[in-house]
Amino acid sequence: MASVPDSARRTPDSASRPRKALTIGAVCKILQSEFDDVSISKIRYLEDQKLLNPRRTSGGYRLYSQSDVERLRTILRLQRDEFLPLRVIRQELASGRAGNEVAAPAATSDGGAAQRSKRRPSVTAPSNGALYSLDDVIEETRADPRLVSELEEYGVIKGEVRAGTKYYDETEREIVRAVTELARYGVGGRNLRVFRSSADREANLLQQILAPALRSRNPERRKEAVEALENLAAVASHLKHLLLIRDLRKLAR
């Protein structure tokens, strides 16, 4: 009698048995080899932002499948390598962008950089010019209306009045969303002056560097300046993130 290959002896159950679900702690440990700054709180935050939807046990514990882990890996790579904000990542995932389309960082010196530059969102104009009323912002971000008023008082957001109604653009809506998360830890509008001052200083620095080229009468030079502005803004944002992580790690020692 001819021998049967081992692969043929597998039962249907063993071939199709799903992989064991993972706890949030296990997922965090798996991803830390690639993402130094990943944490349980960050994974929970991404879930709060509707980017993840793990299964819950009857006791309320999160259980992550392999597809959940790959989705999370994709999100973290898009944040780290392409500097995409969460709203854009949400759109990318909704459009069907899979993890295998977001490759791990390549060893080449320019291939990865070219791809990241291509995917960075524009800082010169909103993605779609959408405007949101105060009710829309509160509904989507779950922000306290008093917090939104406080952000306006301290100049963090401004809004725009049209036909007697104030509207906020997409960037301001995302600012409210981020501040709402900070508010859970007791950070209020007055504490955000440091963020506003830092952003103003960075914008002024970039303006000083590129102002002559941006005002040039040469269309090609202006185009190059806009591209440089976008790249500088992305790099500056990433640098600030790295410096913040470094300083916070010192506090934890």
Protein backbone atom coordinates (compact mmCIF):
# COMPACT_ATOMS: atom_id res chain seq x y z
CA MET A 1 0.00 0.00 0.00
CA ALA A 2 1.36 3.38 -0.94
CA SER A 3 2.31 5.64 1.92
CA VAL A 4 0.13 8.65 2.62
CA PRO A 5 1.87 12.00 2.93
CA ASP A 6 1.64 13.67 6.34
CA SER A 7 -0.19 16.62 4.80
CA ALA A 8 -2.92 14.29 3.55
CA ARG A 9 -3.39 12.79 7.00
CA ARG A 10 -4.44 16.12 8.51
CA THR A 11 -8.02 16.22 9.57
CA PRO A 12 -10.28 19.03 8.40
CA ASP A 13 -10.39 20.30 11.96
CA SER A 14 -6.62 20.59 12.28
CA ALA A 15 -6.27 22.28 8.89
CA SER A 16 -8.91 24.91 9.51
CA ARG A 17 -8.57 25.35 13.28
CA PRO A 18 -8.41 29.09 14.01
CA ARG A 19 -5.38 30.51 15.77
CA LYS A 20 -5.69 31.30 19.43
CA ALA A 21 -7.02 34.77 20.24
CA LEU A 22 -4.60 37.13 21.95
CA THR A 23 -4.97 39.45 24.90
CA ILE A 24 -4.10 43.13 24.56
CA GLY A 25 -0.92 42.55 26.58
CA ALA A 26 0.19 39.76 24.23
CA VAL A 27 -0.52 41.91 21.18
CA CYS A 28 1.50 44.76 22.65
CA LYS A 29 4.44 42.43 23.32
CA ILE A 30 4.35 41.06 19.75
CA LEU A 31 4.38 44.54 18.18
CA GLN A 32 7.04 46.05 20.45
CA SER A 33 9.77 44.33 18.43
CA GLU A 34 8.85 46.63 15.50
CA PHE A 35 7.24 49.60 17.25
CA ASP A 36 9.15 50.81 20.29
CA ASP A 37 6.49 53.27 21.40
CA VAL A 38 3.46 50.97 21.21
CA SER A 39 1.64 50.55 24.49
CA ILE A 40 -1.59 49.12 25.84
CA SER A 41 -2.99 52.64 26.26
CA LYS A 42 -2.15 53.48 22.63
CA ILE A 43 -3.92 50.35 21.39
CA ARG A 44 -6.95 51.27 23.47
CA TYR A 45 -6.86 54.80 22.06
CA LEU A 46 -6.88 53.45 18.49
CA GLU A 47 -9.90 51.35 19.44
CA ASP A 48 -11.63 54.45 20.85
CA GLN A 49 -11.00 56.12 17.48
CA LYS A 50 -12.92 53.28 15.76
CA LEU A 51 -9.83 51.93 14.01
CA LEU A 52 -10.00 48.57 15.79
CA ASN A 53 -12.88 46.42 16.94
CA PRO A 54 -11.59 43.40 18.90
CA ARG A 55 -13.91 40.73 20.23
CA ARG A 56 -14.94 41.04 23.87
CA THR A 57 -15.43 38.25 26.39
CA SER A 58 -18.47 38.15 28.63
CA GLY A 59 -16.27 39.75 31.28
CA GLY A 60 -15.35 42.63 28.99
CA TYR A 61 -11.79 41.57 28.18
CA ARG A 62 -10.45 42.27 24.69
CA LEU A 63 -9.43 39.35 22.49
CA TYR A 64 -7.52 40.00 19.26
CA SER A 65 -7.47 37.75 16.22
CA GLN A 66 -4.52 37.51 13.81
CA SER A 67 -6.38 39.80 11.41
CA ASP A 68 -6.76 42.36 14.23
CA VAL A 69 -3.01 42.22 14.84
CA GLU A 70 -2.23 42.74 11.15
CA ARG A 71 -4.69 45.63 10.98
CA LEU A 72 -3.00 47.22 13.98
CA ARG A 73 0.41 46.66 12.41
CA THR A 74 -0.81 48.45 9.27
CA ILE A 75 -2.09 51.40 11.31
CA LEU A 76 1.17 51.77 13.20
CA ARG A 77 3.25 51.60 10.01
CA LEU A 78 1.10 54.23 8.33
CA GLN A 79 1.59 56.48 11.35
CA ARG A 80 5.33 55.93 11.64
CA ASP A 81 6.48 55.62 8.03
CA GLU A 82 4.00 57.78 6.14
CA PHE A 83 3.09 60.29 8.87
CA LEU A 84 -0.63 59.90 8.15
CA PRO A 85 -3.15 61.31 10.65
CA LEU A 86 -5.79 58.95 12.02
CA ARG A 87 -8.59 60.33 9.84
CA VAL A 88 -6.57 59.53 6.71
CA ILE A 89 -5.63 56.09 8.04
CA ARG A 90 -9.32 55.45 8.67
CA GLN A 91 -10.05 56.31 5.04
CA GLU A 92 -7.21 54.08 3.82
CA LEU A 93 -8.54 51.11 5.78
CA ALA A 94 -12.11 51.77 4.67
CA SER A 95 -10.95 51.76 1.06
CA GLY A 96 -9.56 48.27 1.55
CA ARG A 97 -5.87 48.95 2.01
CA ALA A 98 -4.44 45.75 3.46
CA GLY A 99 -1.42 45.08 5.61
CA ASN A 100 0.56 43.53 2.78
CA GLU A 101 0.31 46.84 0.93
CA VAL A 102 2.19 48.56 3.76
CA ALA A 103 5.55 46.85 3.69
CA ALA A 104 8.04 46.91 6.52
CA PRO A 105 10.74 49.59 6.18
CA ALA A 106 13.08 48.73 3.33
CA ALA A 107 16.85 48.63 3.65
CA THR A 108 17.32 50.97 0.69
CA SER A 109 18.14 54.58 1.44
CA ASP A 110 15.71 56.26 -0.93
CA GLY A 111 12.96 53.81 -1.93
CA GLY A 112 11.13 54.02 1.39
CA ALA A 113 11.55 57.78 1.57
CA ALA A 114 10.05 58.24 -1.89
CA GLN A 115 7.01 56.18 -0.93
CA ARG A 116 6.56 58.08 2.35
CA SER A 117 6.79 61.41 0.56
CA LYS A 118 4.16 60.27 -1.90
CA ARG A 119 1.72 59.30 0.85
CA ARG A 120 2.12 62.30 3.18
CA PRO A 121 -1.02 64.42 3.43
CA SER A 122 -0.87 67.94 2.13
CA VAL A 123 -0.39 70.69 4.71
CA THR A 124 -1.31 73.45 2.26
CA ALA A 125 -5.04 72.73 1.95
CA PRO A 126 -7.76 70.62 3.61
CA SER A 127 -8.36 67.23 2.04
CA ASN A 128 -11.94 67.94 1.03
CA GLY A 129 -12.87 71.36 2.47
CA ALA A 130 -15.60 69.85 4.66
CA LEU A 131 -17.04 72.00 7.45
CA TYR A 132 -18.75 70.81 10.62
CA SER A 133 -21.17 72.56 12.93
CA LEU A 134 -20.63 72.54 16.68
CA ASP A 135 -23.26 69.81 17.05
CA ASP A 136 -21.47 67.70 14.43
CA VAL A 137 -18.12 68.10 16.18
CA ILE A 138 -19.56 67.20 19.57
CA GLU A 139 -21.39 64.19 18.20
CA GLU A 140 -18.36 62.80 16.35
CA THR A 141 -15.74 63.51 19.02
CA ARG A 142 -17.93 63.08 22.13
CA ALA A 143 -16.40 66.29 23.44
CA ASP A 144 -17.86 68.34 26.26
CA PRO A 145 -19.30 71.57 24.77
CA ARG A 146 -17.54 73.49 27.56
CA LEU A 147 -14.22 72.05 26.40
CA VAL A 148 -14.83 73.30 22.85
CA SER A 149 -15.62 76.77 24.20
CA GLU A 150 -12.44 76.65 26.28
CA LEU A 151 -10.39 75.73 23.20
CA GLU A 152 -11.79 78.75 21.39
CA GLU A 153 -11.10 80.99 24.38
CA TYR A 154 -7.42 80.03 24.40
CA GLY A 155 -7.09 80.24 20.62
CA VAL A 156 -6.50 76.54 20.01
CA ILE A 157 -9.37 76.45 17.50
CA LYS A 158 -11.18 79.36 15.85
CA GLY A 159 -13.97 78.15 13.60
CA GLU A 160 -15.60 80.18 10.85
CA VAL A 161 -18.98 81.90 10.94
CA ARG A 162 -21.20 81.42 7.90
CA ALA A 163 -24.78 82.67 7.74
CA GLY A 164 -24.76 83.18 11.49
CA THR A 165 -23.58 79.64 12.29
CA LYS A 166 -20.06 78.72 13.35
CA TYR A 167 -18.36 75.86 11.49
CA TYR A 168 -15.08 74.04 12.04
CA ASP A 169 -12.88 72.42 9.43
CA GLU A 170 -11.64 68.85 9.55
CA THR A 171 -8.33 69.74 11.17
CA GLU A 172 -10.06 71.58 14.00
CA ARG A 173 -12.44 68.67 14.48
CA GLU A 174 -9.45 66.33 14.90
CA ILE A 175 -7.88 68.79 17.35
CA VAL A 176 -11.05 68.61 19.45
CA ARG A 177 -10.93 64.81 19.26
CA ALA A 178 -7.31 64.72 20.46
CA VAL A 179 -7.95 67.22 23.26
CA THR A 180 -10.96 65.19 24.39
CA GLU A 181 -8.63 62.24 24.90
CA LEU A 182 -6.20 64.45 26.87
CA ALA A 183 -9.10 65.76 28.95
CA ARG A 184 -9.58 62.26 30.36
CA TYR A 185 -6.27 62.79 32.14
CA GLY A 186 -7.19 66.22 33.46
CA VAL A 187 -5.62 68.31 30.68
CA GLY A 188 -7.73 71.42 30.08
CA GLY A 189 -7.76 74.19 27.51
CA ARG A 190 -5.43 76.44 29.50
CA ASN A 191 -2.85 73.63 29.60
CA LEU A 192 -2.80 73.55 25.81
CA ARG A 193 -1.13 76.93 25.51
CA VAL A 194 2.20 75.14 25.41
CA PHE A 195 1.06 73.10 22.39
CA ARG A 196 -0.23 76.21 20.62
CA SER A 197 2.96 78.16 21.34
CA SER A 198 5.08 75.26 20.10
CA ALA A 199 3.06 74.97 16.88
CA ASP A 200 3.32 78.74 16.28
CA ARG A 201 7.10 78.65 16.73
CA GLU A 202 7.44 75.72 14.32
CA ALA A 203 5.25 77.42 11.72
CA ASN A 204 7.28 80.63 12.00
CA LEU A 205 10.53 78.71 11.61
CA LEU A 206 9.33 76.93 8.47
CA GLN A 207 8.02 80.22 7.10
CA GLN A 208 11.41 81.87 7.60
CA ILE A 209 13.15 79.00 5.82
CA LEU A 210 10.86 78.87 2.80
CA ALA A 211 9.21 82.30 2.58
CA PRO A 212 11.42 83.61 -0.27
CA ALA A 213 10.74 80.55 -2.43
CA LEU A 214 7.00 80.57 -1.63
CA ARG A 215 6.78 84.19 -2.79
CA SER A 216 8.78 83.54 -5.94
CA ARG A 217 7.30 84.52 -9.30
CA ASN A 218 8.65 81.30 -10.75
CA PRO A 219 5.80 78.72 -10.63
CA GLU A 220 8.25 75.82 -10.62
CA ARG A 221 10.14 77.25 -7.68
CA ARG A 222 6.91 77.83 -5.75
CA LYS A 223 5.85 74.24 -6.44
CA GLU A 224 9.19 72.95 -5.13
CA ALA A 225 8.82 75.14 -2.05
CA VAL A 226 5.35 73.74 -1.31
CA GLU A 227 6.70 70.18 -1.58
CA ALA A 228 9.59 71.10 0.71
CA LEU A 229 7.14 72.66 3.17
CA GLU A 230 5.11 69.45 3.32
CA ASN A 231 8.23 67.34 3.85
CA LEU A 232 9.59 69.67 6.53
CA ALA A 233 6.25 69.70 8.36
CA ALA A 234 6.12 65.89 8.40
CA VAL A 235 9.73 65.56 9.56
CA ALA A 236 9.26 68.25 12.24
CA SER A 237 6.16 66.47 13.52
CA HIS A 238 7.99 63.15 13.67
CA LEU A 239 10.98 64.74 15.41
CA LYS A 240 8.75 66.31 18.04
CA HIS A 241 7.12 62.92 18.63
CA LEU A 242 10.51 61.26 19.10
CA LEU A 243 11.73 63.95 21.50
CA LEU A 244 8.54 63.64 23.54
CA ILE A 245 8.86 59.85 23.77
CA ARG A 246 12.51 60.21 24.83
CA ASP A 247 11.67 62.65 27.62
CA LEU A 248 8.72 60.59 28.85
CA ARG A 249 10.90 57.49 29.07
CA LYS A 250 13.24 59.40 31.38
CA LEU A 251 10.31 60.01 33.74
CA ALA A 252 9.56 56.28 33.85
CA ARG A 253 13.08 55.29 34.91
